[in-house]
Protein backbone atom coordinates (compact mmCIF):
# COMPACT_ATOMS: atom_id res chain seq x y z
CA UNK A 1 76.57 102.87 82.67
CA UNK A 2 76.65 106.64 82.09
CA UNK A 3 77.57 106.26 78.40
CA UNK A 4 75.62 103.05 77.80
CA UNK A 5 72.44 104.69 79.16
CA UNK A 6 72.74 107.37 76.49
CA UNK A 7 74.15 110.23 78.58
CA UNK A 8 76.39 111.64 75.84
CA UNK A 9 79.21 110.06 73.91
CA UNK A 10 82.41 108.40 74.99
CA UNK A 11 84.28 111.71 75.05
CA UNK A 12 81.67 113.25 77.32
CA UNK A 13 81.79 110.22 79.62
CA UNK A 14 85.59 110.44 79.77
CA UNK A 15 85.40 114.13 80.65
CA UNK A 16 82.60 113.50 83.19
CA UNK A 17 84.65 110.86 85.03
CA UNK A 18 87.97 112.62 84.36
CA UNK A 19 89.59 109.57 82.69
CA UNK A 20 91.17 108.82 79.33
CA UNK A 21 88.78 108.00 76.49
CA UNK A 22 90.64 104.71 75.96
CA UNK A 23 89.57 103.67 79.45
CA UNK A 24 85.94 104.42 78.62
CA UNK A 25 86.21 102.42 75.41
CA UNK A 26 87.73 99.46 77.28
CA UNK A 27 85.00 99.61 79.94
CA UNK A 28 82.25 99.80 77.32
CA UNK A 29 83.63 96.76 75.46
CA UNK A 30 83.89 94.80 78.72
CA UNK A 31 80.37 95.79 79.80
CA UNK A 32 78.76 95.01 76.44
CA UNK A 33 80.50 91.63 76.25
CA UNK A 34 80.24 90.49 79.90
CA UNK A 35 77.81 92.80 81.70
CA UNK A 36 78.74 94.03 85.18
CA UNK A 37 81.14 91.10 85.63
CA UNK A 38 83.27 92.62 82.89
CA UNK A 39 83.82 95.72 85.01
CA UNK A 40 84.81 93.93 88.23
CA UNK A 41 88.47 93.69 89.18
CA UNK A 42 89.91 90.28 88.51
CA UNK A 43 92.49 88.86 90.90
CA UNK A 44 92.63 85.34 89.57
CA UNK A 45 95.47 83.40 88.03
CA UNK A 46 94.81 82.41 84.43
CA UNK A 47 95.58 78.74 83.94
CA UNK A 48 97.97 77.48 81.29
CA UNK A 49 95.09 75.88 79.36
CA UNK A 50 93.10 79.14 79.37
CA UNK A 51 96.13 81.20 78.25
CA UNK A 52 96.79 78.73 75.44
CA UNK A 53 93.12 78.83 74.35
CA UNK A 54 93.15 82.64 74.34
CA UNK A 55 96.43 82.81 72.39
CA UNK A 56 95.41 80.23 69.81
CA UNK A 57 92.02 81.89 69.29
CA UNK A 58 93.72 85.28 68.96
CA UNK A 59 96.13 83.96 66.34
CA UNK A 60 93.70 81.74 64.42
CA UNK A 61 90.90 84.31 64.27
CA UNK A 62 93.36 87.17 63.71
CA UNK A 63 91.96 89.09 66.69
CA UNK A 64 93.66 92.20 67.96
CA UNK A 65 94.84 92.01 71.58
CA UNK A 66 92.02 94.44 72.46
CA UNK A 67 89.40 92.25 70.84
CA UNK A 68 90.75 89.15 72.57
CA UNK A 69 90.92 90.91 75.95
CA UNK A 70 87.28 92.00 75.57
CA UNK A 71 86.11 88.58 74.39
CA UNK A 72 87.85 86.62 77.14
CA UNK A 73 87.44 89.25 79.88
CA UNK A 74 91.19 89.71 80.37
CA UNK A 75 92.05 92.78 82.42
CA UNK A 76 94.20 94.49 79.78
CA UNK A 77 95.10 94.00 76.13
CA UNK A 78 98.81 94.20 76.97
CA UNK A 79 98.45 90.92 78.88
CA UNK A 80 97.11 89.19 75.77
CA UNK A 81 99.82 90.81 73.62
CA UNK A 82 102.48 89.52 76.02
CA UNK A 83 101.06 85.97 75.95
CA UNK A 84 100.93 85.98 72.13
CA UNK A 85 104.52 87.25 71.91
CA UNK A 86 105.75 84.64 74.39
CA UNK A 87 103.96 81.92 72.44
CA UNK A 88 105.40 83.07 69.11
CA UNK A 89 108.93 83.59 70.45
CA UNK A 90 109.32 80.69 72.88
CA UNK A 91 106.52 78.21 72.22
CA UNK A 92 103.47 77.10 74.20
CA UNK A 93 105.44 76.06 77.29
CA UNK A 94 106.34 79.73 77.88
CA UNK A 95 102.70 80.32 78.90
CA UNK A 96 103.10 77.88 81.78
CA UNK A 97 104.72 80.45 84.07
CA UNK A 98 103.65 82.77 86.82
CA UNK A 99 104.13 86.54 86.66
CA UNK A 100 107.76 87.63 86.76
CA UNK A 101 109.26 84.36 85.54
CA UNK A 102 109.35 85.11 81.82
CA UNK A 103 113.09 85.87 82.11
CA UNK A 104 113.70 82.24 83.04
CA UNK A 105 111.67 81.11 80.03
CA UNK A 106 113.73 83.36 77.77
CA UNK A 107 117.01 82.11 79.25
CA UNK A 108 115.88 78.50 78.82
CA UNK A 109 114.87 79.18 75.22
CA UNK A 110 118.23 80.84 74.51
CA UNK A 111 120.12 77.89 75.99
CA UNK A 112 118.03 75.54 73.84
CA UNK A 113 118.99 77.55 70.77
CA UNK A 114 122.67 77.04 71.57
CA UNK A 115 122.11 73.34 72.26
CA UNK A 116 120.25 72.99 68.96
CA UNK A 117 122.92 74.79 66.94
CA UNK A 118 124.13 73.16 63.75
CA UNK A 119 127.43 71.32 63.78
CA UNK A 120 130.37 73.40 62.49
CA UNK A 121 130.65 71.22 59.39
CA UNK A 122 127.21 72.42 58.26
CA UNK A 123 127.88 76.13 58.83
CA UNK A 124 129.04 78.65 56.25
CA UNK A 125 132.35 80.48 56.79
CA UNK A 126 130.40 83.66 57.64
CA UNK A 127 128.33 81.83 60.28
CA UNK A 128 131.49 80.32 61.76
CA UNK A 129 133.15 83.75 61.91
CA UNK A 130 130.04 85.27 63.55
CA UNK A 131 129.91 82.50 66.14
CA UNK A 132 133.63 82.83 66.85
CA UNK A 133 133.26 86.61 67.40
CA UNK A 134 130.28 86.02 69.68
CA UNK A 135 132.05 83.34 71.72
CA UNK A 136 135.17 85.48 72.09
CA UNK A 137 133.09 88.41 73.32
CA UNK A 138 131.19 86.16 75.72
CA UNK A 139 134.45 84.70 77.03
CA UNK A 140 135.96 88.16 77.56
CA UNK A 141 132.81 89.31 79.36
CA UNK A 142 132.83 86.30 81.69
CA UNK A 143 136.51 86.80 82.48
CA UNK A 144 135.90 90.45 83.37
CA UNK A 145 132.91 89.48 85.47
CA UNK A 146 134.94 86.86 87.35
CA UNK A 147 137.75 89.39 87.94
CA UNK A 148 135.23 91.89 89.28
CA UNK A 149 133.73 89.32 91.65
CA UNK A 150 137.20 88.35 92.90
CA UNK A 151 138.07 92.02 93.38
CA UNK A 152 134.91 92.59 95.44
CA UNK A 153 135.70 89.53 97.60
CA UNK A 154 139.21 90.86 98.28
CA UNK A 155 137.82 94.25 99.27
CA UNK A 156 135.42 92.61 101.73
CA UNK A 157 138.22 90.50 103.25
CA UNK A 158 140.40 93.58 103.79
CA UNK A 159 137.62 95.37 105.68
């Protein structure tokens, strides 16, 4: 309200309230777009349908994450950026998760990539060599991991 009422510029408001100017800018955008409701803390879960609508609008209208956050009253532009990245990298189903479960989405997407790999007959010699190197490294890693787990179990039994 301080800035919006004409009491100096955004820099002066930031200095007055001892906050970063980016915070003032975010607050001003939220207030101008949504009034006082735009400044209230939001503790609600955003539904899958709403996330998808926000992401598709952001992409189709070429909005920046800041613009989308202001338009849809999302608490922070990084949230919108994360949703857009998940959508682009892993598809729309990746938005159907709660906070902290994006790792599972990424693992599922990675396993789908392996399942959807081309048959060896359709791969170039370079692709086959790359896959062989990768599989050998993965195999060696898993063997070391299993040996470490067995070693830890033996240590526990001895104690």
